[in-house]
């Protein structure tokens, strides 16, 4: 799913878990140094491949609360104030 990404699967899942913890895209950029646009592309890929992303998340031990918050974020396409 994340073929040809410049970042590791661990980094991607960590950013997704940060979104699940209600961190903003700007906060992720400040903390991890990964562009907001990049994280949004990952979200789009994850939303298009939910089953495969869910298997990756289970391996990385993302909590159910983080996972639910992440999908709420995806459903609202990252609009501010929607979480």
C-alpha atoms as a PDB file:
ATOM      1  CA  UNK A   1       0.000   0.000   0.000  1.00  0.00           C
ATOM      2  CA  UNK A   2       2.804   2.420   0.815  1.00  0.00           C
ATOM      3  CA  UNK A   3       5.050   1.212  -2.009  1.00  0.00           C
ATOM      4  CA  UNK A   4       7.579   3.803  -3.163  1.00  0.00           C
ATOM      5  CA  UNK A   5       7.131   5.959  -0.076  1.00  0.00           C
ATOM      6  CA  UNK A   6      10.324   7.589   1.158  1.00  0.00           C
ATOM      7  CA  UNK A   7       9.412   6.821   4.767  1.00  0.00           C
ATOM      8  CA  UNK A   8       9.332   3.515   6.609  1.00  0.00           C
ATOM      9  CA  UNK A   9       6.109   1.748   7.514  1.00  0.00           C
ATOM     10  CA  UNK A  10       6.891   2.430  11.176  1.00  0.00           C
ATOM     11  CA  UNK A  11       7.106   6.191  10.541  1.00  0.00           C
ATOM     12  CA  UNK A  12       3.846   6.152   8.610  1.00  0.00           C
ATOM     13  CA  UNK A  13       1.985   4.234  11.311  1.00  0.00           C
ATOM     14  CA  UNK A  14       3.478   6.486  13.996  1.00  0.00           C
ATOM     15  CA  UNK A  15       2.145   9.568  12.188  1.00  0.00           C
ATOM     16  CA  UNK A  16      -1.248   7.902  11.830  1.00  0.00           C
ATOM     17  CA  UNK A  17      -1.277   7.107  15.538  1.00  0.00           C
ATOM     18  CA  UNK A  18      -0.427  10.740  16.264  1.00  0.00           C
ATOM     19  CA  UNK A  19      -3.500  11.744  14.258  1.00  0.00           C
ATOM     20  CA  UNK A  20      -5.440   9.198  16.267  1.00  0.00           C
ATOM     21  CA  UNK A  21      -4.237  10.971  19.403  1.00  0.00           C
ATOM     22  CA  UNK A  22      -5.751  14.212  18.060  1.00  0.00           C
ATOM     23  CA  UNK A  23      -2.479  15.834  17.014  1.00  0.00           C
ATOM     24  CA  UNK A  24      -2.803  18.296  14.164  1.00  0.00           C
ATOM     25  CA  UNK A  25      -0.983  17.974  10.861  1.00  0.00           C
ATOM     26  CA  UNK A  26       1.071  21.023  11.846  1.00  0.00           C
ATOM     27  CA  UNK A  27       2.086  19.323  15.109  1.00  0.00           C
ATOM     28  CA  UNK A  28       3.162  16.210  13.238  1.00  0.00           C
ATOM     29  CA  UNK A  29       5.210  18.373  10.905  1.00  0.00           C
ATOM     30  CA  UNK A  30       6.913  20.114  13.838  1.00  0.00           C
ATOM     31  CA  UNK A  31       7.585  16.876  15.731  1.00  0.00           C
ATOM     32  CA  UNK A  32       8.470  14.484  12.907  1.00  0.00           C
ATOM     33  CA  UNK A  33       9.543  16.881  10.148  1.00  0.00           C
ATOM     34  CA  UNK A  34       7.133  15.269   7.669  1.00  0.00           C
ATOM     35  CA  UNK A  35       5.123  17.607   5.447  1.00  0.00           C
ATOM     36  CA  UNK A  36       1.407  17.940   6.083  1.00  0.00           C
ATOM     37  CA  UNK A  37       0.707  17.116   2.436  1.00  0.00           C
ATOM     38  CA  UNK A  38       2.622  13.851   2.777  1.00  0.00           C
ATOM     39  CA  UNK A  39       0.572  12.758   5.783  1.00  0.00           C
ATOM     40  CA  UNK A  40      -2.630  13.631   3.898  1.00  0.00           C
ATOM     41  CA  UNK A  41      -1.503  11.461   0.963  1.00  0.00           C
ATOM     42  CA  UNK A  42      -0.925   8.585   3.380  1.00  0.00           C
ATOM     43  CA  UNK A  43      -4.410   9.109   4.799  1.00  0.00           C
ATOM     44  CA  UNK A  44      -5.878   9.016   1.317  1.00  0.00           C
ATOM     45  CA  UNK A  45      -4.030   5.782   0.524  1.00  0.00           C
ATOM     46  CA  UNK A  46      -5.132   4.268   3.832  1.00  0.00           C
ATOM     47  CA  UNK A  47      -8.758   5.210   3.204  1.00  0.00           C
ATOM     48  CA  UNK A  48      -8.618   3.544  -0.218  1.00  0.00           C
ATOM     49  CA  UNK A  49      -7.109   0.348   1.232  1.00  0.00           C
ATOM     50  CA  UNK A  50      -8.849   0.018   4.588  1.00  0.00           C
ATOM     51  CA  UNK A  51      -8.435  -3.744   4.944  1.00  0.00           C
ATOM     52  CA  UNK A  52      -4.727  -3.708   4.205  1.00  0.00           C
ATOM     53  CA  UNK A  53      -4.157  -0.680   6.456  1.00  0.00           C
ATOM     54  CA  UNK A  54      -6.061  -2.352   9.282  1.00  0.00           C
ATOM     55  CA  UNK A  55      -3.705  -5.360   9.102  1.00  0.00           C
ATOM     56  CA  UNK A  56      -0.675  -3.046   9.272  1.00  0.00           C
ATOM     57  CA  UNK A  57      -2.160  -1.214  12.244  1.00  0.00           C
ATOM     58  CA  UNK A  58      -2.861  -4.449  14.115  1.00  0.00           C
ATOM     59  CA  UNK A  59       0.788  -5.446  13.742  1.00  0.00           C
ATOM     60  CA  UNK A  60       1.891  -2.079  15.146  1.00  0.00           C
ATOM     61  CA  UNK A  61      -0.517  -2.170  18.105  1.00  0.00           C
ATOM     62  CA  UNK A  62      -2.457   1.021  17.410  1.00  0.00           C
ATOM     63  CA  UNK A  63      -5.167   1.282  20.051  1.00  0.00           C
ATOM     64  CA  UNK A  64      -8.836   0.997  19.098  1.00  0.00           C
ATOM     65  CA  UNK A  65      -9.417   4.582  20.264  1.00  0.00           C
ATOM     66  CA  UNK A  66      -6.588   5.844  18.051  1.00  0.00           C
ATOM     67  CA  UNK A  67      -7.893   3.795  15.135  1.00  0.00           C
ATOM     68  CA  UNK A  68     -11.453   5.156  15.534  1.00  0.00           C
ATOM     69  CA  UNK A  69     -10.205   8.738  15.813  1.00  0.00           C
ATOM     70  CA  UNK A  70      -8.068   8.221  12.722  1.00  0.00           C
ATOM     71  CA  UNK A  71     -11.038   7.047  10.648  1.00  0.00           C
ATOM     72  CA  UNK A  72     -13.097   9.988  11.906  1.00  0.00           C
ATOM     73  CA  UNK A  73     -10.296  12.206  10.620  1.00  0.00           C
ATOM     74  CA  UNK A  74     -10.254  10.382   7.267  1.00  0.00           C
ATOM     75  CA  UNK A  75     -14.037  10.617   6.951  1.00  0.00           C
ATOM     76  CA  UNK A  76     -13.852  14.407   7.290  1.00  0.00           C
ATOM     77  CA  UNK A  77     -10.825  14.578   4.995  1.00  0.00           C
ATOM     78  CA  UNK A  78      -8.699  16.281   7.622  1.00  0.00           C
ATOM     79  CA  UNK A  79     -10.840  19.383   7.935  1.00  0.00           C
ATOM     80  CA  UNK A  80     -10.025  21.369  11.048  1.00  0.00           C
ATOM     81  CA  UNK A  81     -12.445  21.174  13.938  1.00  0.00           C
ATOM     82  CA  UNK A  82     -13.978  17.888  12.843  1.00  0.00           C
ATOM     83  CA  UNK A  83     -12.408  15.597  15.430  1.00  0.00           C
END
